[in-house]
């Protein structure tokens, strides 16, 4: 009975993953909007252009380093059911930390060449988190197998966009459908299909909720600034996304408390 239950859960996950791949292949190119680099708040401060969009990246360094410190200071057996599970979390927090530099570099003088260095560390963070949740919910063995392919997919999606952009027909399909949207869908699906074998499920939900709020702020960048806010929506996006990472770093304290046999399944 247990094997049958796992089989249909795995089947649903595989079906959705295959559907996302098919959607990416069949969907037409997704171009980057021509106005993408035109953020609402372009004010300078102390000679720094686009100051608030640059400075609001600092929290990423704080929460990223904090997460890495928690991983290094605590024995793996206390945090995780399998010691290897530390690696995707390291990748996640490293990607978040590097986002501080990539995003600050981009927002100082926004253009496509600089945007690549903003997106690359974010894809590292996305794929690290996705692999970490596969290990927690589905299988550590499969997480280990998917670790490098997921990372290659993330980095490749950003590089592919940049290459096509330089060729005059930019295409964000892989980045938008697979890396950003697909990783979120896969994480939510795993949370619904597979029982938790570690603590902190509520905090994971809270972090994902904050990420959704961050995306709303991003889309409402100009509306928020034009309706009297002291900063633009993009700055608020950075703060909400950093808060989501802070929740995940705090969540590490709740992992490993319900480990069961078969963690390497």
Protein backbone atom coordinates (compact mmCIF):
# COMPACT_ATOMS: atom_id res chain seq x y z
CA UNK A 1 0.00 0.00 0.00
CA UNK A 2 2.80 2.41 0.94
CA UNK A 3 4.64 1.68 -2.33
CA UNK A 4 1.43 2.27 -4.32
CA UNK A 5 0.90 5.60 -2.53
CA UNK A 6 4.45 6.70 -3.27
CA UNK A 7 4.09 5.59 -6.89
CA UNK A 8 1.11 7.83 -7.61
CA UNK A 9 2.72 10.75 -5.80
CA UNK A 10 5.86 10.32 -7.86
CA UNK A 11 3.69 9.98 -10.97
CA UNK A 12 1.89 13.27 -10.36
CA UNK A 13 5.17 15.06 -9.73
CA UNK A 14 6.69 13.58 -12.89
CA UNK A 15 3.59 14.46 -14.91
CA UNK A 16 3.66 18.09 -13.79
CA UNK A 17 7.40 18.31 -14.45
CA UNK A 18 6.91 16.88 -17.93
CA UNK A 19 4.08 19.34 -18.50
CA UNK A 20 6.32 22.28 -17.59
CA UNK A 21 8.99 21.04 -19.97
CA UNK A 22 6.42 20.65 -22.74
CA UNK A 23 4.99 24.11 -22.04
CA UNK A 24 8.47 25.60 -22.29
CA UNK A 25 9.15 23.83 -25.57
CA UNK A 26 5.79 24.67 -27.16
CA UNK A 27 5.36 28.19 -25.83
CA UNK A 28 6.51 30.99 -28.08
CA UNK A 29 9.49 33.12 -27.05
CA UNK A 30 8.90 35.36 -24.04
CA UNK A 31 10.63 38.67 -24.76
CA UNK A 32 11.82 40.99 -22.04
CA UNK A 33 9.69 44.17 -21.95
CA UNK A 34 11.42 47.17 -23.51
CA UNK A 35 10.66 49.17 -20.35
CA UNK A 36 12.14 46.58 -17.97
CA UNK A 37 15.08 48.77 -16.88
CA UNK A 38 12.89 51.82 -16.18
CA UNK A 39 12.29 51.57 -12.45
CA UNK A 40 10.04 54.04 -10.66
CA UNK A 41 12.51 55.28 -8.06
CA UNK A 42 15.64 56.59 -9.79
CA UNK A 43 16.66 59.06 -7.07
CA UNK A 44 20.34 59.44 -6.23
CA UNK A 45 21.79 59.57 -2.72
CA UNK A 46 25.36 60.51 -1.78
CA UNK A 47 26.27 60.34 -5.45
CA UNK A 48 24.81 56.84 -5.78
CA UNK A 49 22.37 56.46 -8.71
CA UNK A 50 19.14 54.54 -8.12
CA UNK A 51 20.15 54.58 -4.49
CA UNK A 52 17.24 52.80 -2.82
CA UNK A 53 17.15 49.98 -5.36
CA UNK A 54 20.88 49.52 -4.79
CA UNK A 55 20.90 49.82 -0.97
CA UNK A 56 17.86 47.56 -0.52
CA UNK A 57 20.05 44.64 -1.63
CA UNK A 58 22.09 44.77 1.58
CA UNK A 59 19.59 42.61 3.53
CA UNK A 60 20.32 39.75 1.11
CA UNK A 61 23.91 39.69 2.32
CA UNK A 62 22.78 39.72 5.96
CA UNK A 63 20.30 36.85 5.70
CA UNK A 64 22.49 34.90 3.26
CA UNK A 65 25.54 34.99 5.52
CA UNK A 66 23.36 34.29 8.55
CA UNK A 67 22.03 31.14 6.88
CA UNK A 68 25.54 30.00 5.94
CA UNK A 69 26.72 30.57 9.51
CA UNK A 70 23.88 28.48 10.91
CA UNK A 71 24.81 25.66 8.57
CA UNK A 72 28.49 25.80 9.55
CA UNK A 73 27.98 26.11 13.30
CA UNK A 74 25.54 23.25 13.75
CA UNK A 75 26.26 19.55 13.31
CA UNK A 76 24.50 18.18 10.19
CA UNK A 77 22.89 15.37 12.19
CA UNK A 78 21.05 17.98 14.27
CA UNK A 79 19.67 19.88 11.29
CA UNK A 80 19.02 17.14 8.76
CA UNK A 81 18.03 13.51 8.43
CA UNK A 82 20.93 12.96 6.01
CA UNK A 83 24.19 14.96 6.22
CA UNK A 84 24.27 15.61 2.45
CA UNK A 85 21.16 17.80 2.76
CA UNK A 86 23.41 20.61 3.95
CA UNK A 87 24.77 21.12 0.39
CA UNK A 88 21.65 22.41 -1.40
CA UNK A 89 21.01 24.77 1.50
CA UNK A 90 24.58 26.03 1.19
CA UNK A 91 23.95 26.63 -2.49
CA UNK A 92 20.74 28.50 -1.68
CA UNK A 93 22.28 30.84 0.89
CA UNK A 94 25.38 31.35 -1.27
CA UNK A 95 23.17 32.37 -4.19
CA UNK A 96 21.26 34.79 -1.96
CA UNK A 97 24.50 36.33 -0.67
CA UNK A 98 25.87 36.76 -4.20
CA UNK A 99 22.58 38.37 -5.24
CA UNK A 100 23.57 41.35 -3.11
CA UNK A 101 26.52 42.05 -5.39
CA UNK A 102 24.87 41.09 -8.69
CA UNK A 103 21.69 43.05 -8.06
CA UNK A 104 23.53 46.11 -6.69
CA UNK A 105 25.79 46.07 -9.75
CA UNK A 106 22.76 45.91 -12.02
CA UNK A 107 20.70 48.60 -10.31
CA UNK A 108 23.62 51.04 -10.27
CA UNK A 109 23.31 51.35 -14.07
CA UNK A 110 20.54 49.03 -15.37
CA UNK A 111 21.13 47.36 -18.72
CA UNK A 112 21.02 43.83 -20.14
CA UNK A 113 24.71 43.07 -19.61
CA UNK A 114 24.46 43.93 -15.92
CA UNK A 115 21.11 42.16 -15.59
CA UNK A 116 22.78 38.85 -16.40
CA UNK A 117 24.87 39.20 -13.21
CA UNK A 118 21.70 39.94 -11.26
CA UNK A 119 19.88 36.86 -12.55
CA UNK A 120 22.73 34.33 -12.31
CA UNK A 121 22.96 34.21 -8.49
CA UNK A 122 19.17 34.19 -8.23
CA UNK A 123 19.00 31.07 -10.38
CA UNK A 124 21.58 29.45 -8.09
CA UNK A 125 19.37 30.26 -5.10
CA UNK A 126 16.19 28.98 -6.82
CA UNK A 127 17.77 25.67 -7.75
CA UNK A 128 19.40 25.23 -4.35
CA UNK A 129 16.05 25.65 -2.61
CA UNK A 130 14.29 23.33 -5.06
CA UNK A 131 16.89 20.60 -4.49
CA UNK A 132 16.67 21.07 -0.72
CA UNK A 133 12.90 20.53 -0.77
CA UNK A 134 13.26 17.45 -3.00
CA UNK A 135 15.61 16.03 -0.37
CA UNK A 136 13.24 16.87 2.50
CA UNK A 137 10.00 15.71 0.95
CA UNK A 138 10.73 13.19 -1.79
CA UNK A 139 14.15 11.53 -1.71
CA UNK A 140 17.67 12.45 -0.69
CA UNK A 141 18.96 10.00 -3.29
CA UNK A 142 17.09 11.76 -6.09
CA UNK A 143 18.07 15.17 -4.76
CA UNK A 144 21.73 14.18 -5.07
CA UNK A 145 21.16 13.05 -8.65
CA UNK A 146 19.32 16.23 -9.59
CA UNK A 147 21.64 18.65 -7.78
CA UNK A 148 23.99 19.39 -10.70
CA UNK A 149 21.33 19.19 -13.47
CA UNK A 150 19.10 21.64 -11.59
CA UNK A 151 22.02 24.02 -11.12
CA UNK A 152 22.92 23.74 -14.81
CA UNK A 153 19.28 24.41 -15.75
CA UNK A 154 19.17 27.54 -13.62
CA UNK A 155 22.42 29.03 -14.86
CA UNK A 156 21.70 27.93 -18.43
CA UNK A 157 18.30 29.68 -18.44
CA UNK A 158 19.91 33.04 -17.63
CA UNK A 159 22.76 32.55 -20.10
CA UNK A 160 20.32 31.46 -22.82
CA UNK A 161 18.26 34.63 -22.29
CA UNK A 162 21.38 36.80 -22.56
CA UNK A 163 22.60 35.09 -25.72
CA UNK A 164 19.21 35.45 -27.41
CA UNK A 165 18.94 39.06 -26.20
CA UNK A 166 22.26 39.92 -27.82
CA UNK A 167 21.06 38.21 -30.99
CA UNK A 168 18.05 40.53 -31.07
CA UNK A 169 15.33 38.07 -30.07
CA UNK A 170 15.52 37.70 -26.30
CA UNK A 171 13.71 34.68 -24.89
CA UNK A 172 12.91 34.29 -21.19
CA UNK A 173 10.94 31.05 -21.53
CA UNK A 174 13.27 28.77 -19.58
CA UNK A 175 13.93 31.37 -16.90
CA UNK A 176 10.27 32.32 -16.37
CA UNK A 177 8.50 28.98 -16.86
CA UNK A 178 11.02 26.49 -15.48
CA UNK A 179 13.28 28.33 -13.04
CA UNK A 180 11.00 30.93 -11.47
CA UNK A 181 7.50 29.59 -11.96
CA UNK A 182 8.36 25.91 -12.22
CA UNK A 183 10.44 25.77 -9.06
CA UNK A 184 7.64 27.45 -7.07
CA UNK A 185 5.01 25.09 -8.51
CA UNK A 186 7.21 22.05 -7.79
CA UNK A 187 7.84 23.11 -4.19
CA UNK A 188 4.13 23.71 -3.53
CA UNK A 189 3.26 20.39 -5.15
CA UNK A 190 5.79 18.50 -3.04
CA UNK A 191 4.39 20.13 0.08
CA UNK A 192 0.90 18.96 -0.87
CA UNK A 193 1.79 15.43 -1.99
CA UNK A 194 4.48 14.32 0.46
CA UNK A 195 4.31 14.26 4.25
CA UNK A 196 6.89 16.31 6.09
CA UNK A 197 9.66 14.37 7.82
CA UNK A 198 11.18 17.51 9.31
CA UNK A 199 9.75 20.44 11.21
CA UNK A 200 9.21 23.97 9.96
CA UNK A 201 6.45 23.43 7.39
CA UNK A 202 4.59 26.53 8.56
CA UNK A 203 7.72 28.64 8.20
CA UNK A 204 8.27 27.29 4.70
CA UNK A 205 4.72 28.38 3.81
CA UNK A 206 5.42 31.79 5.31
CA UNK A 207 8.59 32.18 3.26
CA UNK A 208 6.80 31.25 0.04
CA UNK A 209 4.03 33.71 0.92
CA UNK A 210 6.58 36.49 1.37
CA UNK A 211 8.09 35.62 -2.02
CA UNK A 212 4.65 36.01 -3.63
CA UNK A 213 4.29 39.39 -1.89
CA UNK A 214 7.71 40.34 -3.29
CA UNK A 215 6.53 39.53 -6.82
CA UNK A 216 3.42 41.66 -6.29
CA UNK A 217 5.61 44.58 -5.17
CA UNK A 218 7.78 44.09 -8.26
CA UNK A 219 4.79 44.29 -10.60
CA UNK A 220 3.40 47.34 -8.77
CA UNK A 221 6.70 49.24 -8.74
CA UNK A 222 5.43 52.39 -10.47
CA UNK A 223 1.95 52.29 -8.94
CA UNK A 224 3.32 52.19 -5.39
CA UNK A 225 5.77 55.04 -6.01
CA UNK A 226 3.28 57.25 -7.87
CA UNK A 227 0.66 56.88 -5.13
CA UNK A 228 2.74 58.59 -2.50
CA UNK A 229 5.05 55.89 -1.13
CA UNK A 230 8.50 57.11 -0.14
CA UNK A 231 10.13 54.22 -2.04
CA UNK A 232 9.23 52.22 -5.12
CA UNK A 233 7.75 48.76 -5.29
CA UNK A 234 11.02 47.28 -6.52
CA UNK A 235 12.78 48.32 -3.35
CA UNK A 236 9.97 46.74 -1.32
CA UNK A 237 10.38 43.62 -3.44
CA UNK A 238 14.00 43.31 -2.30
CA UNK A 239 13.01 43.73 1.35
CA UNK A 240 10.17 41.18 1.15
CA UNK A 241 12.35 38.63 -0.65
CA UNK A 242 15.13 39.09 1.93
CA UNK A 243 12.56 38.61 4.69
CA UNK A 244 11.54 35.32 3.05
CA UNK A 245 15.16 34.15 3.13
CA UNK A 246 15.39 35.23 6.78
CA UNK A 247 12.41 33.00 7.58
CA UNK A 248 14.14 30.07 5.84
CA UNK A 249 17.36 30.71 7.77
CA UNK A 250 15.40 30.73 11.02
CA UNK A 251 13.61 27.56 9.92
CA UNK A 252 16.89 25.64 10.02
CA UNK A 253 16.50 25.45 13.78
CA UNK A 254 13.32 23.39 13.31
CA UNK A 255 14.74 20.82 10.90
CA UNK A 256 15.68 17.28 11.75
CA UNK A 257 13.37 16.87 14.71
CA UNK A 258 11.07 14.30 13.07
CA UNK A 259 13.56 12.22 11.10
CA UNK A 260 12.49 8.69 10.35
CA UNK A 261 14.21 5.66 8.97
CA UNK A 262 14.55 5.65 5.21
CA UNK A 263 15.69 9.26 4.88
CA UNK A 264 17.87 8.18 1.93
CA UNK A 265 14.90 6.66 0.09
